Amino acid sequence: MILNDINIHLFHSINAFALKYPVLDQIVIFLANDLNTVFISFLVFLLLLQWKTHHLIFAKTLFIVLISLLLCDLVDYFYHSPRPFQLGLGHKLIGHGSTSSFPSQHTLTIVIIGCSYLLAGFKLIGGIGLVFSLIVGLSRIFVGVHFPFDIIGAFLIGLMLVLFVNYSLPILALRLRKAIPLLN
């Protein structure tokens, strides 16, 4: 109960700025909806320019994002967390369906990108991704479609998925290399 009260209080603290400054609202709506697309488009452009440098990390990151989407669907199936506007809380600045609020898929995607690139040694891209994930997360609260714990959950899940895949893929690759001679 106390955690729920903290979550709602934090939501109101951030969402309270909505509808006060129309220019700020428009900026935050862009950040909430489109910052992911802009960043991913930049990564695709970088991939096309420097295929040899970025193809493996891009593929691994895409794989983790796809896993996260499946995981979000599973979470939604077993645990539906209502969005703030479904509970009559705050100001909703963007249209959104009544899917589960937990975790924020927008934030989760960009956290995965940031963590993946950072762990792969692309410090600038990874750092920018993590800063963008914080901006996207806060903007999703500002526009009224997520609670703060949805954003925190996205950070934790994203980090755990990236760590799991990064440490389990080499083990899986080693086992496959050992098994392939047996198949010949």
N, C-alpha and C. Protein backbone atom coordinates (compact mmCIF):
# COMPACT_ATOMS: atom_id res chain seq x y z
N MET A 1 0.82 -1.20 0.00
CA MET A 1 0.00 0.00 0.00
C MET A 1 0.87 1.26 0.00
N ILE A 2 1.91 1.25 0.80
CA ILE A 2 2.80 2.42 0.88
C ILE A 2 3.49 2.64 -0.46
N LEU A 3 3.96 1.55 -1.11
CA LEU A 3 4.61 1.68 -2.41
C LEU A 3 3.65 2.26 -3.44
N ASN A 4 2.40 1.83 -3.39
CA ASN A 4 1.41 2.35 -4.33
C ASN A 4 1.20 3.85 -4.10
N ASP A 5 1.16 4.26 -2.84
CA ASP A 5 1.00 5.69 -2.53
C ASP A 5 2.20 6.49 -3.02
N ILE A 6 3.39 5.95 -2.86
CA ILE A 6 4.61 6.62 -3.35
C ILE A 6 4.56 6.73 -4.87
N ASN A 7 4.17 5.65 -5.54
CA ASN A 7 4.06 5.63 -6.98
C ASN A 7 3.10 6.71 -7.48
N ILE A 8 1.94 6.80 -6.86
CA ILE A 8 0.93 7.78 -7.25
C ILE A 8 1.42 9.20 -6.95
N HIS A 9 2.04 9.39 -5.80
CA HIS A 9 2.57 10.72 -5.44
C HIS A 9 3.63 11.17 -6.45
N LEU A 10 4.55 10.26 -6.79
CA LEU A 10 5.58 10.60 -7.78
C LEU A 10 4.95 10.91 -9.14
N PHE A 11 3.94 10.13 -9.52
CA PHE A 11 3.25 10.38 -10.78
C PHE A 11 2.68 11.80 -10.79
N HIS A 12 1.96 12.15 -9.73
CA HIS A 12 1.35 13.48 -9.66
C HIS A 12 2.40 14.59 -9.66
N SER A 13 3.54 14.33 -9.03
CA SER A 13 4.61 15.33 -8.99
C SER A 13 5.14 15.66 -10.38
N ILE A 14 5.21 14.66 -11.24
CA ILE A 14 5.72 14.87 -12.61
C ILE A 14 4.61 15.31 -13.54
N ASN A 15 3.46 14.65 -13.47
CA ASN A 15 2.35 14.93 -14.38
C ASN A 15 1.67 16.27 -14.08
N ALA A 16 1.92 16.84 -12.91
CA ALA A 16 1.30 18.11 -12.53
C ALA A 16 1.70 19.25 -13.46
N PHE A 17 2.83 19.13 -14.16
CA PHE A 17 3.28 20.18 -15.07
C PHE A 17 2.55 20.14 -16.41
N ALA A 18 1.86 19.05 -16.68
CA ALA A 18 1.13 18.92 -17.95
C ALA A 18 0.02 19.96 -18.02
N LEU A 19 -0.20 20.49 -19.20
CA LEU A 19 -1.23 21.48 -19.52
C LEU A 19 -0.96 22.88 -18.95
N LYS A 20 0.20 23.09 -18.34
CA LYS A 20 0.53 24.42 -17.82
C LYS A 20 1.26 25.27 -18.84
N TYR A 21 2.10 24.62 -19.64
CA TYR A 21 2.91 25.31 -20.63
C TYR A 21 2.77 24.58 -21.97
N PRO A 22 1.96 25.11 -22.89
CA PRO A 22 1.69 24.41 -24.15
C PRO A 22 2.94 24.04 -24.95
N VAL A 23 3.94 24.90 -24.96
CA VAL A 23 5.17 24.58 -25.70
C VAL A 23 5.88 23.40 -25.05
N LEU A 24 5.96 23.39 -23.73
CA LEU A 24 6.56 22.27 -23.01
C LEU A 24 5.79 20.99 -23.28
N ASP A 25 4.47 21.07 -23.29
CA ASP A 25 3.64 19.90 -23.59
C ASP A 25 4.01 19.31 -24.95
N GLN A 26 4.15 20.16 -25.97
CA GLN A 26 4.47 19.68 -27.31
C GLN A 26 5.86 19.04 -27.37
N ILE A 27 6.81 19.63 -26.68
CA ILE A 27 8.17 19.06 -26.64
C ILE A 27 8.15 17.69 -25.98
N VAL A 28 7.47 17.60 -24.85
CA VAL A 28 7.43 16.34 -24.11
C VAL A 28 6.64 15.28 -24.87
N ILE A 29 5.60 15.67 -25.56
CA ILE A 29 4.86 14.71 -26.40
C ILE A 29 5.79 14.13 -27.47
N PHE A 30 6.60 15.00 -28.10
CA PHE A 30 7.57 14.50 -29.08
C PHE A 30 8.54 13.52 -28.42
N LEU A 31 9.06 13.88 -27.25
CA LEU A 31 10.02 13.01 -26.56
C LEU A 31 9.38 11.67 -26.18
N ALA A 32 8.13 11.71 -25.73
CA ALA A 32 7.44 10.49 -25.30
C ALA A 32 7.13 9.57 -26.47
N ASN A 33 6.77 10.15 -27.61
CA ASN A 33 6.35 9.35 -28.76
C ASN A 33 7.45 9.05 -29.75
N ASP A 34 8.35 10.00 -29.98
CA ASP A 34 9.22 9.92 -31.15
C ASP A 34 10.71 9.87 -30.90
N LEU A 35 11.17 10.10 -29.68
CA LEU A 35 12.62 10.07 -29.43
C LEU A 35 13.19 8.69 -29.73
N ASN A 36 12.47 7.64 -29.38
CA ASN A 36 12.91 6.27 -29.70
C ASN A 36 13.13 6.10 -31.19
N THR A 37 12.16 6.56 -31.97
CA THR A 37 12.23 6.41 -33.43
C THR A 37 13.43 7.16 -34.00
N VAL A 38 13.66 8.36 -33.52
CA VAL A 38 14.79 9.15 -33.99
C VAL A 38 16.10 8.43 -33.67
N PHE A 39 16.23 7.93 -32.44
CA PHE A 39 17.47 7.26 -32.02
C PHE A 39 17.68 5.96 -32.80
N ILE A 40 16.64 5.17 -32.95
CA ILE A 40 16.74 3.91 -33.71
C ILE A 40 17.06 4.20 -35.17
N SER A 41 16.48 5.24 -35.72
CA SER A 41 16.79 5.63 -37.11
C SER A 41 18.27 6.00 -37.25
N PHE A 42 18.79 6.70 -36.26
CA PHE A 42 20.22 7.03 -36.26
C PHE A 42 21.06 5.75 -36.23
N LEU A 43 20.67 4.77 -35.42
CA LEU A 43 21.43 3.52 -35.33
C LEU A 43 21.37 2.74 -36.64
N VAL A 44 20.22 2.75 -37.31
CA VAL A 44 20.10 2.09 -38.62
C VAL A 44 21.00 2.79 -39.63
N PHE A 45 21.00 4.11 -39.62
CA PHE A 45 21.87 4.88 -40.51
C PHE A 45 23.34 4.54 -40.24
N LEU A 46 23.70 4.48 -38.96
CA LEU A 46 25.07 4.12 -38.58
C LEU A 46 25.40 2.70 -39.02
N LEU A 47 24.44 1.82 -38.91
CA LEU A 47 24.62 0.44 -39.36
C LEU A 47 24.91 0.39 -40.86
N LEU A 48 24.17 1.15 -41.62
CA LEU A 48 24.37 1.18 -43.06
C LEU A 48 25.73 1.78 -43.44
N LEU A 49 26.17 2.79 -42.68
CA LEU A 49 27.46 3.42 -42.97
C LEU A 49 28.65 2.56 -42.55
N GLN A 50 28.50 1.88 -41.43
CA GLN A 50 29.62 1.11 -40.86
C GLN A 50 29.16 -0.30 -40.51
N TRP A 51 28.77 -1.04 -41.53
CA TRP A 51 28.22 -2.39 -41.36
C TRP A 51 29.13 -3.27 -40.52
N LYS A 52 30.42 -3.35 -40.87
CA LYS A 52 31.34 -4.26 -40.20
C LYS A 52 31.48 -3.95 -38.71
N THR A 53 31.39 -2.70 -38.36
CA THR A 53 31.56 -2.30 -36.97
C THR A 53 30.30 -2.55 -36.15
N HIS A 54 29.12 -2.36 -36.75
CA HIS A 54 27.89 -2.32 -35.96
C HIS A 54 26.92 -3.47 -36.19
N HIS A 55 27.16 -4.36 -37.15
CA HIS A 55 26.13 -5.36 -37.46
C HIS A 55 25.88 -6.34 -36.32
N LEU A 56 26.91 -6.78 -35.63
CA LEU A 56 26.69 -7.75 -34.55
C LEU A 56 25.95 -7.15 -33.37
N ILE A 57 26.37 -5.96 -32.93
CA ILE A 57 25.71 -5.35 -31.78
C ILE A 57 24.27 -4.97 -32.13
N PHE A 58 24.05 -4.53 -33.36
CA PHE A 58 22.69 -4.19 -33.78
C PHE A 58 21.81 -5.44 -33.76
N ALA A 59 22.32 -6.53 -34.30
CA ALA A 59 21.54 -7.78 -34.34
C ALA A 59 21.25 -8.29 -32.92
N LYS A 60 22.27 -8.25 -32.06
CA LYS A 60 22.06 -8.71 -30.69
C LYS A 60 21.05 -7.83 -29.96
N THR A 61 21.14 -6.53 -30.16
CA THR A 61 20.21 -5.61 -29.52
C THR A 61 18.79 -5.83 -30.03
N LEU A 62 18.65 -6.02 -31.32
CA LEU A 62 17.33 -6.29 -31.89
C LEU A 62 16.75 -7.59 -31.31
N PHE A 63 17.58 -8.60 -31.17
CA PHE A 63 17.15 -9.86 -30.57
C PHE A 63 16.63 -9.65 -29.14
N ILE A 64 17.35 -8.86 -28.36
CA ILE A 64 16.93 -8.60 -26.97
C ILE A 64 15.63 -7.80 -26.95
N VAL A 65 15.49 -6.83 -27.85
CA VAL A 65 14.25 -6.05 -27.90
C VAL A 65 13.07 -6.96 -28.24
N LEU A 66 13.26 -7.89 -29.17
CA LEU A 66 12.18 -8.82 -29.51
C LEU A 66 11.81 -9.69 -28.32
N ILE A 67 12.81 -10.16 -27.58
CA ILE A 67 12.53 -10.93 -26.36
C ILE A 67 11.73 -10.07 -25.38
N SER A 68 12.09 -8.80 -25.25
CA SER A 68 11.40 -7.92 -24.31
C SER A 68 9.94 -7.72 -24.70
N LEU A 69 9.67 -7.65 -26.00
CA LEU A 69 8.28 -7.50 -26.44
C LEU A 69 7.45 -8.74 -26.08
N LEU A 70 8.05 -9.92 -26.25
CA LEU A 70 7.36 -11.16 -25.83
C LEU A 70 7.14 -11.17 -24.32
N LEU A 71 8.15 -10.75 -23.59
CA LEU A 71 8.05 -10.70 -22.14
C LEU A 71 6.94 -9.72 -21.70
N CYS A 72 6.86 -8.58 -22.35
CA CYS A 72 5.80 -7.61 -22.02
C CYS A 72 4.42 -8.19 -22.30
N ASP A 73 4.29 -8.93 -23.38
CA ASP A 73 3.01 -9.58 -23.67
C ASP A 73 2.65 -10.61 -22.59
N LEU A 74 3.65 -11.35 -22.13
CA LEU A 74 3.42 -12.31 -21.05
C LEU A 74 3.00 -11.61 -19.76
N VAL A 75 3.69 -10.54 -19.44
CA VAL A 75 3.36 -9.78 -18.23
C VAL A 75 1.93 -9.26 -18.34
N ASP A 76 1.57 -8.72 -19.49
CA ASP A 76 0.22 -8.20 -19.70
C ASP A 76 -0.83 -9.30 -19.56
N TYR A 77 -0.50 -10.50 -20.03
CA TYR A 77 -1.45 -11.62 -19.96
C TYR A 77 -1.70 -12.06 -18.51
N PHE A 78 -0.63 -12.11 -17.71
CA PHE A 78 -0.75 -12.62 -16.34
C PHE A 78 -0.96 -11.53 -15.29
N TYR A 79 -0.55 -10.30 -15.62
CA TYR A 79 -0.66 -9.22 -14.64
C TYR A 79 -0.96 -7.92 -15.37
N HIS A 80 -2.20 -7.52 -15.37
CA HIS A 80 -2.58 -6.28 -16.03
C HIS A 80 -2.52 -5.14 -15.02
N SER A 81 -1.63 -4.21 -15.28
CA SER A 81 -1.49 -3.04 -14.43
C SER A 81 -2.16 -1.86 -15.14
N PRO A 82 -3.18 -1.27 -14.54
CA PRO A 82 -3.87 -0.17 -15.22
C PRO A 82 -2.98 1.07 -15.37
N ARG A 83 -3.26 1.81 -16.42
CA ARG A 83 -2.55 3.06 -16.67
C ARG A 83 -3.19 4.16 -15.81
N PRO A 84 -2.45 5.24 -15.57
CA PRO A 84 -3.01 6.32 -14.72
C PRO A 84 -4.37 6.83 -15.19
N PHE A 85 -4.52 7.04 -16.49
CA PHE A 85 -5.79 7.58 -17.00
C PHE A 85 -6.93 6.58 -16.82
N GLN A 86 -6.64 5.29 -16.74
CA GLN A 86 -7.69 4.30 -16.49
C GLN A 86 -8.22 4.40 -15.07
N LEU A 87 -7.39 4.96 -14.20
CA LEU A 87 -7.79 5.15 -12.80
C LEU A 87 -8.30 6.56 -12.54
N GLY A 88 -8.39 7.36 -13.61
CA GLY A 88 -8.85 8.74 -13.46
C GLY A 88 -7.81 9.66 -12.86
N LEU A 89 -6.54 9.30 -13.00
CA LEU A 89 -5.47 10.11 -12.43
C LEU A 89 -4.78 10.96 -13.48
N GLY A 90 -4.44 12.17 -13.14
CA GLY A 90 -3.58 13.02 -13.95
C GLY A 90 -4.21 13.51 -15.24
N HIS A 91 -3.32 14.07 -16.07
CA HIS A 91 -3.69 14.61 -17.37
C HIS A 91 -3.07 13.74 -18.45
N LYS A 92 -3.88 13.27 -19.37
CA LYS A 92 -3.39 12.44 -20.48
C LYS A 92 -3.24 13.33 -21.71
N LEU A 93 -1.99 13.45 -22.20
CA LEU A 93 -1.72 14.34 -23.32
C LEU A 93 -1.66 13.62 -24.66
N ILE A 94 -1.59 12.30 -24.64
CA ILE A 94 -1.52 11.54 -25.89
C ILE A 94 -2.55 10.42 -25.85
N GLY A 95 -2.96 9.99 -27.02
CA GLY A 95 -3.86 8.86 -27.10
C GLY A 95 -3.12 7.57 -26.77
N HIS A 96 -3.78 6.70 -26.08
CA HIS A 96 -3.16 5.42 -25.74
C HIS A 96 -4.23 4.41 -25.41
N GLY A 97 -4.00 3.17 -25.80
CA GLY A 97 -4.93 2.08 -25.50
C GLY A 97 -4.85 1.68 -24.03
N SER A 98 -5.66 0.73 -23.68
CA SER A 98 -5.74 0.29 -22.29
C SER A 98 -4.88 -0.93 -22.01
N THR A 99 -3.76 -1.07 -22.72
CA THR A 99 -2.85 -2.17 -22.44
C THR A 99 -2.21 -1.97 -21.08
N SER A 100 -1.53 -2.98 -20.60
CA SER A 100 -0.91 -2.90 -19.29
C SER A 100 0.15 -1.80 -19.24
N SER A 101 0.18 -1.13 -18.14
CA SER A 101 1.12 -0.03 -17.94
C SER A 101 2.53 -0.54 -17.62
N PHE A 102 2.63 -1.70 -17.02
CA PHE A 102 3.92 -2.23 -16.58
C PHE A 102 4.43 -3.30 -17.51
N PRO A 103 5.68 -3.21 -17.92
CA PRO A 103 6.61 -2.08 -17.86
C PRO A 103 6.41 -1.19 -19.08
N SER A 104 7.02 -0.03 -19.06
CA SER A 104 6.95 0.88 -20.20
C SER A 104 7.78 0.32 -21.35
N GLN A 105 7.12 -0.09 -22.44
CA GLN A 105 7.84 -0.65 -23.58
C GLN A 105 8.73 0.39 -24.26
N HIS A 106 8.28 1.64 -24.32
CA HIS A 106 9.11 2.69 -24.91
C HIS A 106 10.43 2.82 -24.14
N THR A 107 10.32 2.87 -22.82
CA THR A 107 11.51 3.00 -22.00
C THR A 107 12.35 1.73 -22.06
N LEU A 108 11.71 0.58 -22.00
CA LEU A 108 12.41 -0.69 -22.04
C LEU A 108 13.26 -0.83 -23.31
N THR A 109 12.70 -0.46 -24.43
CA THR A 109 13.43 -0.57 -25.70
C THR A 109 14.70 0.27 -25.69
N ILE A 110 14.60 1.49 -25.24
CA ILE A 110 15.77 2.36 -25.30
C ILE A 110 16.77 2.03 -24.19
N VAL A 111 16.30 1.48 -23.07
CA VAL A 111 17.23 1.00 -22.03
C VAL A 111 18.04 -0.17 -22.59
N ILE A 112 17.38 -1.07 -23.29
CA ILE A 112 18.08 -2.21 -23.89
C ILE A 112 19.12 -1.73 -24.89
N ILE A 113 18.77 -0.77 -25.71
CA ILE A 113 19.73 -0.23 -26.68
C ILE A 113 20.92 0.38 -25.95
N GLY A 114 20.65 1.22 -24.98
CA GLY A 114 21.73 1.88 -24.25
C GLY A 114 22.65 0.89 -23.55
N CYS A 115 22.07 -0.05 -22.82
CA CYS A 115 22.87 -1.04 -22.09
C CYS A 115 23.65 -1.95 -23.04
N SER A 116 23.02 -2.37 -24.13
CA SER A 116 23.69 -3.26 -25.09
C SER A 116 24.90 -2.59 -25.70
N TYR A 117 24.72 -1.38 -26.16
CA TYR A 117 25.84 -0.67 -26.80
C TYR A 117 26.93 -0.33 -25.78
N LEU A 118 26.53 0.02 -24.57
CA LEU A 118 27.52 0.32 -23.53
C LEU A 118 28.35 -0.91 -23.20
N LEU A 119 27.70 -2.06 -23.01
CA LEU A 119 28.43 -3.30 -22.71
C LEU A 119 29.31 -3.76 -23.86
N ALA A 120 28.93 -3.40 -25.09
CA ALA A 120 29.72 -3.78 -26.25
C ALA A 120 30.90 -2.83 -26.48
N GLY A 121 31.02 -1.82 -25.64
CA GLY A 121 32.16 -0.90 -25.75
C GLY A 121 31.86 0.37 -26.53
N PHE A 122 30.64 0.55 -26.97
CA PHE A 122 30.25 1.78 -27.66
C PHE A 122 29.75 2.77 -26.60
N LYS A 123 30.68 3.37 -25.89
CA LYS A 123 30.35 4.18 -24.71
C LYS A 123 29.48 5.40 -25.04
N LEU A 124 29.80 6.09 -26.13
CA LEU A 124 29.03 7.29 -26.47
C LEU A 124 27.59 6.94 -26.83
N ILE A 125 27.42 5.97 -27.71
CA ILE A 125 26.07 5.56 -28.12
C ILE A 125 25.31 5.00 -26.92
N GLY A 126 25.98 4.16 -26.14
CA GLY A 126 25.33 3.58 -24.96
C GLY A 126 24.94 4.64 -23.95
N GLY A 127 25.83 5.58 -23.70
CA GLY A 127 25.54 6.66 -22.76
C GLY A 127 24.38 7.52 -23.22
N ILE A 128 24.39 7.86 -24.52
CA ILE A 128 23.28 8.63 -25.07
C ILE A 128 21.98 7.84 -24.94
N GLY A 129 22.03 6.54 -25.21
CA GLY A 129 20.85 5.70 -25.08
C GLY A 129 20.30 5.70 -23.66
N LEU A 130 21.18 5.63 -22.68
CA LEU A 130 20.71 5.61 -21.29
C LEU A 130 20.15 6.97 -20.87
N VAL A 131 20.76 8.05 -21.33
CA VAL A 131 20.21 9.38 -21.05
C VAL A 131 18.84 9.51 -21.73
N PHE A 132 18.75 9.07 -22.99
CA PHE A 132 17.47 9.12 -23.70
C PHE A 132 16.42 8.27 -23.00
N SER A 133 16.83 7.13 -22.44
CA SER A 133 15.85 6.27 -21.77
C SER A 133 15.27 6.97 -20.54
N LEU A 134 16.09 7.73 -19.84
CA LEU A 134 15.59 8.51 -18.70
C LEU A 134 14.63 9.60 -19.19
N ILE A 135 14.99 10.27 -20.28
CA ILE A 135 14.13 11.32 -20.85
C ILE A 135 12.80 10.72 -21.32
N VAL A 136 12.87 9.60 -22.03
CA VAL A 136 11.65 8.96 -22.52
C VAL A 136 10.79 8.52 -21.33
N GLY A 137 11.40 7.91 -20.33
CA GLY A 137 10.65 7.45 -19.16
C GLY A 137 9.93 8.59 -18.45
N LEU A 138 10.65 9.67 -18.20
CA LEU A 138 10.03 10.82 -17.52
C LEU A 138 8.94 11.44 -18.39
N SER A 139 9.16 11.47 -19.69
CA SER A 139 8.15 12.07 -20.57
C SER A 139 6.89 11.20 -20.64
N ARG A 140 7.05 9.88 -20.54
CA ARG A 140 5.88 8.99 -20.54
C ARG A 140 5.03 9.21 -19.28
N ILE A 141 5.69 9.57 -18.18
CA ILE A 141 4.94 9.92 -16.96
C ILE A 141 4.28 11.29 -17.15
N PHE A 142 5.03 12.24 -17.67
CA PHE A 142 4.54 13.60 -17.89
C PHE A 142 3.27 13.60 -18.73
N VAL A 143 3.24 12.79 -19.80
CA VAL A 143 2.07 12.78 -20.69
C VAL A 143 0.92 11.93 -20.13
N GLY A 144 1.13 11.28 -19.00
CA GLY A 144 0.04 10.62 -18.30
C GLY A 144 -0.26 9.19 -18.67
N VAL A 145 0.71 8.48 -19.28
CA VAL A 145 0.43 7.10 -19.69
C VAL A 145 1.18 6.04 -18.88
N HIS A 146 2.06 6.48 -17.97
CA HIS A 146 2.80 5.54 -17.13
C HIS A 146 2.99 6.08 -15.73
N PHE A 147 3.14 5.15 -14.80
CA PHE A 147 3.54 5.48 -13.44
C PHE A 147 5.06 5.39 -13.33
N PRO A 148 5.65 6.05 -12.34
CA PRO A 148 7.11 5.95 -12.17
C PRO A 148 7.63 4.52 -12.00
N PHE A 149 6.88 3.67 -11.31
CA PHE A 149 7.36 2.29 -11.11
C PHE A 149 7.37 1.50 -12.42
N ASP A 150 6.55 1.91 -13.40
CA ASP A 150 6.60 1.29 -14.73
C ASP A 150 7.94 1.58 -15.39
N ILE A 151 8.44 2.77 -15.16
CA ILE A 151 9.71 3.20 -15.75
C ILE A 151 10.87 2.51 -15.03
N ILE A 152 10.81 2.48 -13.71
CA ILE A 152 11.85 1.80 -12.93
C ILE A 152 11.88 0.32 -13.31
N GLY A 153 10.70 -0.29 -13.45
CA GLY A 153 10.62 -1.69 -13.86
C GLY A 153 11.24 -1.91 -15.23
N ALA A 154 11.00 -0.98 -16.16
CA ALA A 154 11.59 -1.09 -17.49
C ALA A 154 13.11 -1.04 -17.42
N PHE A 155 13.66 -0.17 -16.58
CA PHE A 155 15.11 -0.09 -16.41
C PHE A 155 15.66 -1.41 -15.87
N LEU A 156 15.03 -1.94 -14.85
CA LEU A 156 15.52 -3.19 -14.24
C LEU A 156 15.39 -4.37 -15.20
N ILE A 157 14.26 -4.49 -15.85
CA ILE A 157 14.05 -5.60 -16.79
C ILE A 157 15.01 -5.48 -17.96
N GLY A 158 15.17 -4.27 -18.50
CA GLY A 158 16.09 -4.07 -19.62
C GLY A 158 17.51 -4.44 -19.26
N LEU A 159 17.97 -3.98 -18.12
CA LEU A 159 19.33 -4.31 -17.67
C LEU A 159 19.49 -5.81 -17.47
N MET A 160 18.52 -6.46 -16.84
CA MET A 160 18.61 -7.90 -16.62
C MET A 160 18.61 -8.68 -17.93
N LEU A 161 17.77 -8.28 -18.88
CA LEU A 161 17.74 -8.96 -20.17
C LEU A 161 19.07 -8.83 -20.91
N VAL A 162 19.62 -7.63 -20.92
CA VAL A 162 20.90 -7.41 -21.61
C VAL A 162 22.00 -8.23 -20.95
N LEU A 163 22.06 -8.21 -19.62
CA LEU A 163 23.08 -8.99 -18.93
C LEU A 163 22.90 -10.48 -19.18
N PHE A 164 21.66 -10.95 -19.11
CA PHE A 164 21.39 -12.37 -19.34
C PHE A 164 21.83 -12.80 -20.73
N VAL A 165 21.42 -12.06 -21.74
CA VAL A 165 21.76 -12.43 -23.12
C VAL A 165 23.27 -12.32 -23.35
N ASN A 166 23.89 -11.26 -22.84
CA ASN A 166 25.32 -11.08 -23.06
C ASN A 166 26.16 -12.16 -22.39
N TYR A 167 25.69 -12.69 -21.28
CA TYR A 167 26.47 -13.72 -20.60
C TYR A 167 26.05 -15.13 -20.97
N SER A 168 24.85 -15.30 -21.52
CA SER A 168 24.43 -16.65 -21.90
C SER A 168 24.75 -16.97 -23.37
N LEU A 169 24.81 -15.97 -24.24
CA LEU A 169 25.12 -16.24 -25.64
C LEU A 169 26.49 -16.88 -25.85
N PRO A 170 27.55 -16.41 -25.19
CA PRO A 170 28.84 -17.09 -25.38
C PRO A 170 28.82 -18.55 -24.92
N ILE A 171 28.10 -18.82 -23.85
CA ILE A 171 27.99 -20.20 -23.36
C ILE A 171 27.23 -21.05 -24.37
N LEU A 172 26.13 -20.51 -24.91
CA LEU A 172 25.36 -21.22 -25.93
C LEU A 172 26.19 -21.44 -27.19
N ALA A 173 26.95 -20.44 -27.61
CA ALA A 173 27.79 -20.57 -28.80
C ALA A 173 28.85 -21.65 -28.60
N LEU A 174 29.44 -21.72 -27.42
CA LEU A 174 30.45 -22.74 -27.11
C LEU A 174 29.82 -24.13 -27.17
N ARG A 175 28.65 -24.30 -26.60
CA ARG A 175 27.97 -25.59 -26.63
C ARG A 175 27.61 -26.00 -28.06
N LEU A 176 27.19 -25.02 -28.87
CA LEU A 176 26.87 -25.32 -30.26
C LEU A 176 28.12 -25.74 -31.04
N ARG A 177 29.25 -25.08 -30.78
CA ARG A 177 30.50 -25.45 -31.46
C ARG A 177 30.92 -26.88 -31.10
N LYS A 178 30.72 -27.26 -29.85
CA LYS A 178 31.04 -28.61 -29.42
C LYS A 178 30.09 -29.64 -30.03
N ALA A 179 28.82 -29.25 -30.21
CA ALA A 179 27.82 -30.19 -30.73
C ALA A 179 27.89 -30.34 -32.24
N ILE A 180 28.33 -29.33 -32.96
CA ILE A 180 28.36 -29.38 -34.42
C ILE A 180 29.29 -30.48 -34.95
N PRO A 181 30.49 -30.70 -34.42
CA PRO A 181 31.30 -31.81 -34.93
C PRO A 181 30.61 -33.17 -34.77
N LEU A 182 29.78 -33.30 -33.77
CA LEU A 182 29.06 -34.55 -33.57
C LEU A 182 28.02 -34.78 -34.65
N LEU A 183 27.52 -33.70 -35.25
CA LEU A 183 26.50 -33.83 -36.29
C LEU A 183 27.11 -34.21 -37.64
N ASN A 184 28.37 -33.95 -37.84
CA ASN A 184 29.03 -34.25 -39.15
C ASN A 184 29.41 -35.67 -39.31
